[in-house]
Amino acid sequence: MLVQFSVFPVGSGESMAKEVAKVIDIIDKSGLSYRITAMATIVEGNWDEIMALIGKCHHVMRRAHSRVYTSIVIDDRKGAKNRLTGKVADVEKVLKRKLKT
């Protein structure tokens, strides 16, 4: 399963790097495979692992801020593994070249 999610405080100014770094630290220490993008983080794992991780990230942010926005997108494909890199590799194979990641 791949899950793309973002967690950030609402009404806390323009720069959120310090707050987002707290969430990324939790994700990094989770042991799950992940990729950070400019707008969200993609994590690969099973339902229970990922939902527990998202819950932890949301609650850590919520303890520090009165309003928190959490967005979740799920790609749940039966039997699929290594999709975090595999989906990109599939497109690269079709294009016959490496892409910027």
C-alpha atoms as a PDB file:
ATOM      1  CA  MET A   1       0.000   0.000   0.000  1.00  0.00           C
ATOM      2  CA  LEU A   2       1.167   3.505  -0.811  1.00  0.00           C
ATOM      3  CA  VAL A   3      -0.164   6.464   1.111  1.00  0.00           C
ATOM      4  CA  GLN A   4       0.541  10.091   0.337  1.00  0.00           C
ATOM      5  CA  PHE A   5      -0.139  12.419   3.227  1.00  0.00           C
ATOM      6  CA  SER A   6       0.604  15.841   4.571  1.00  0.00           C
ATOM      7  CA  VAL A   7       0.146  17.285   8.050  1.00  0.00           C
ATOM      8  CA  PHE A   8       0.548  20.960   8.812  1.00  0.00           C
ATOM      9  CA  PRO A   9      -0.745  23.618  11.193  1.00  0.00           C
ATOM     10  CA  VAL A  10      -3.296  26.147   9.992  1.00  0.00           C
ATOM     11  CA  GLY A  11      -2.824  29.799  10.868  1.00  0.00           C
ATOM     12  CA  SER A  12       0.821  29.520  11.878  1.00  0.00           C
ATOM     13  CA  GLY A  13       2.402  31.831   9.312  1.00  0.00           C
ATOM     14  CA  GLU A  14       4.023  31.227   5.958  1.00  0.00           C
ATOM     15  CA  SER A  15       7.045  29.050   6.722  1.00  0.00           C
ATOM     16  CA  MET A  16       6.263  25.627   8.149  1.00  0.00           C
ATOM     17  CA  ALA A  17       9.690  23.989   7.786  1.00  0.00           C
ATOM     18  CA  LYS A  18      10.241  23.565  11.534  1.00  0.00           C
ATOM     19  CA  GLU A  19       6.821  22.018  12.072  1.00  0.00           C
ATOM     20  CA  VAL A  20       7.072  19.775   9.019  1.00  0.00           C
ATOM     21  CA  ALA A  21      10.549  18.654  10.132  1.00  0.00           C
ATOM     22  CA  LYS A  22       9.006  17.306  13.351  1.00  0.00           C
ATOM     23  CA  VAL A  23       6.641  15.147  11.302  1.00  0.00           C
ATOM     24  CA  ILE A  24       9.379  13.994   8.914  1.00  0.00           C
ATOM     25  CA  ASP A  25      11.504  12.969  11.919  1.00  0.00           C
ATOM     26  CA  ILE A  26       8.670  10.707  13.104  1.00  0.00           C
ATOM     27  CA  ILE A  27       8.300   9.218   9.611  1.00  0.00           C
ATOM     28  CA  ASP A  28      12.049   8.679   9.277  1.00  0.00           C
ATOM     29  CA  LYS A  29      12.200   6.857  12.611  1.00  0.00           C
ATOM     30  CA  SER A  30       9.207   4.655  11.726  1.00  0.00           C
ATOM     31  CA  GLY A  31      11.295   2.253   9.643  1.00  0.00           C
ATOM     32  CA  LEU A  32       8.843   2.460   6.744  1.00  0.00           C
ATOM     33  CA  SER A  33      10.017   3.313   3.224  1.00  0.00           C
ATOM     34  CA  TYR A  34       9.113   6.870   2.260  1.00  0.00           C
ATOM     35  CA  ARG A  35       9.758   9.730  -0.154  1.00  0.00           C
ATOM     36  CA  ILE A  36       9.440  13.403   0.666  1.00  0.00           C
ATOM     37  CA  THR A  37       8.069  15.765  -1.950  1.00  0.00           C
ATOM     38  CA  ALA A  38       7.550  19.507  -1.808  1.00  0.00           C
ATOM     39  CA  MET A  39       3.843  19.049  -1.064  1.00  0.00           C
ATOM     40  CA  ALA A  40       3.491  15.711   0.741  1.00  0.00           C
ATOM     41  CA  THR A  41       5.218  12.536   1.858  1.00  0.00           C
ATOM     42  CA  ILE A  42       4.611   9.087   0.341  1.00  0.00           C
ATOM     43  CA  VAL A  43       4.931   6.072   2.642  1.00  0.00           C
ATOM     44  CA  GLU A  44       4.837   2.365   1.785  1.00  0.00           C
ATOM     45  CA  GLY A  45       3.632  -0.274   4.235  1.00  0.00           C
ATOM     46  CA  ASN A  46       0.527  -2.029   5.474  1.00  0.00           C
ATOM     47  CA  TRP A  47      -2.695  -0.373   6.625  1.00  0.00           C
ATOM     48  CA  ASP A  48      -2.080  -0.647  10.362  1.00  0.00           C
ATOM     49  CA  GLU A  49       1.515   0.610  10.204  1.00  0.00           C
ATOM     50  CA  ILE A  50       0.677   3.584   8.020  1.00  0.00           C
ATOM     51  CA  MET A  51      -2.506   4.611   9.836  1.00  0.00           C
ATOM     52  CA  ALA A  52      -0.674   4.433  13.176  1.00  0.00           C
ATOM     53  CA  LEU A  53       2.102   6.587  11.729  1.00  0.00           C
ATOM     54  CA  ILE A  54      -0.307   9.183  10.331  1.00  0.00           C
ATOM     55  CA  GLY A  55      -2.177   9.259  13.639  1.00  0.00           C
ATOM     56  CA  LYS A  56       1.058   9.850  15.535  1.00  0.00           C
ATOM     57  CA  CYS A  57       2.116  12.629  13.158  1.00  0.00           C
ATOM     58  CA  HIS A  58      -1.283  14.313  13.413  1.00  0.00           C
ATOM     59  CA  HIS A  59      -1.369  14.119  17.210  1.00  0.00           C
ATOM     60  CA  VAL A  60       2.160  15.512  17.595  1.00  0.00           C
ATOM     61  CA  MET A  61       1.218  18.473  15.411  1.00  0.00           C
ATOM     62  CA  ARG A  62      -2.129  18.872  17.202  1.00  0.00           C
ATOM     63  CA  ARG A  63      -0.455  19.076  20.619  1.00  0.00           C
ATOM     64  CA  ALA A  64       1.460  22.147  19.431  1.00  0.00           C
ATOM     65  CA  HIS A  65      -1.286  23.861  17.404  1.00  0.00           C
ATOM     66  CA  SER A  66      -4.982  24.532  17.846  1.00  0.00           C
ATOM     67  CA  ARG A  67      -5.789  23.699  14.215  1.00  0.00           C
ATOM     68  CA  VAL A  68      -4.143  21.028  12.046  1.00  0.00           C
ATOM     69  CA  TYR A  69      -4.846  19.983   8.460  1.00  0.00           C
ATOM     70  CA  THR A  70      -4.148  16.358   7.499  1.00  0.00           C
ATOM     71  CA  SER A  71      -4.662  15.130   3.940  1.00  0.00           C
ATOM     72  CA  ILE A  72      -4.470  11.435   2.980  1.00  0.00           C
ATOM     73  CA  VAL A  73      -4.482   9.702  -0.436  1.00  0.00           C
ATOM     74  CA  ILE A  74      -4.379   5.879  -0.514  1.00  0.00           C
ATOM     75  CA  ASP A  75      -3.278   3.530  -3.321  1.00  0.00           C
ATOM     76  CA  ASP A  76      -4.095   0.028  -2.060  1.00  0.00           C
ATOM     77  CA  ARG A  77      -3.271  -2.660  -4.620  1.00  0.00           C
ATOM     78  CA  LYS A  78      -3.583  -6.306  -3.569  1.00  0.00           C
ATOM     79  CA  GLY A  79      -0.248  -8.123  -3.625  1.00  0.00           C
ATOM     80  CA  ALA A  80       1.750  -5.090  -4.763  1.00  0.00           C
ATOM     81  CA  LYS A  81       5.168  -4.612  -3.190  1.00  0.00           C
ATOM     82  CA  ASN A  82       7.981  -2.127  -3.680  1.00  0.00           C
ATOM     83  CA  ARG A  83       5.633   0.271  -5.444  1.00  0.00           C
ATOM     84  CA  LEU A  84       7.376   3.330  -4.048  1.00  0.00           C
ATOM     85  CA  THR A  85      10.199   2.772  -6.500  1.00  0.00           C
ATOM     86  CA  GLY A  86       8.478   0.283  -8.795  1.00  0.00           C
ATOM     87  CA  LYS A  87       5.879   2.700 -10.131  1.00  0.00           C
ATOM     88  CA  VAL A  88       8.615   5.126 -11.191  1.00  0.00           C
ATOM     89  CA  ALA A  89      10.708   2.308 -12.664  1.00  0.00           C
ATOM     90  CA  ASP A  90       7.726   1.159 -14.751  1.00  0.00           C
ATOM     91  CA  VAL A  91       7.379   4.611 -16.331  1.00  0.00           C
ATOM     92  CA  GLU A  92      11.139   4.880 -16.886  1.00  0.00           C
ATOM     93  CA  LYS A  93      11.070   1.528 -18.650  1.00  0.00           C
ATOM     94  CA  VAL A  94       8.373   2.739 -21.039  1.00  0.00           C
ATOM     95  CA  LEU A  95      10.245   6.008 -21.698  1.00  0.00           C
ATOM     96  CA  LYS A  96      13.612   4.207 -21.904  1.00  0.00           C
ATOM     97  CA  ARG A  97      15.299   6.798 -19.708  1.00  0.00           C
ATOM     98  CA  LYS A  98      15.783   7.803 -16.081  1.00  0.00           C
ATOM     99  CA  LEU A  99      13.519  10.524 -14.725  1.00  0.00           C
ATOM    100  CA  LYS A 100      14.254  13.220 -12.162  1.00  0.00           C
ATOM    101  CA  THR A 101      13.054  12.035  -8.769  1.00  0.00           C
END
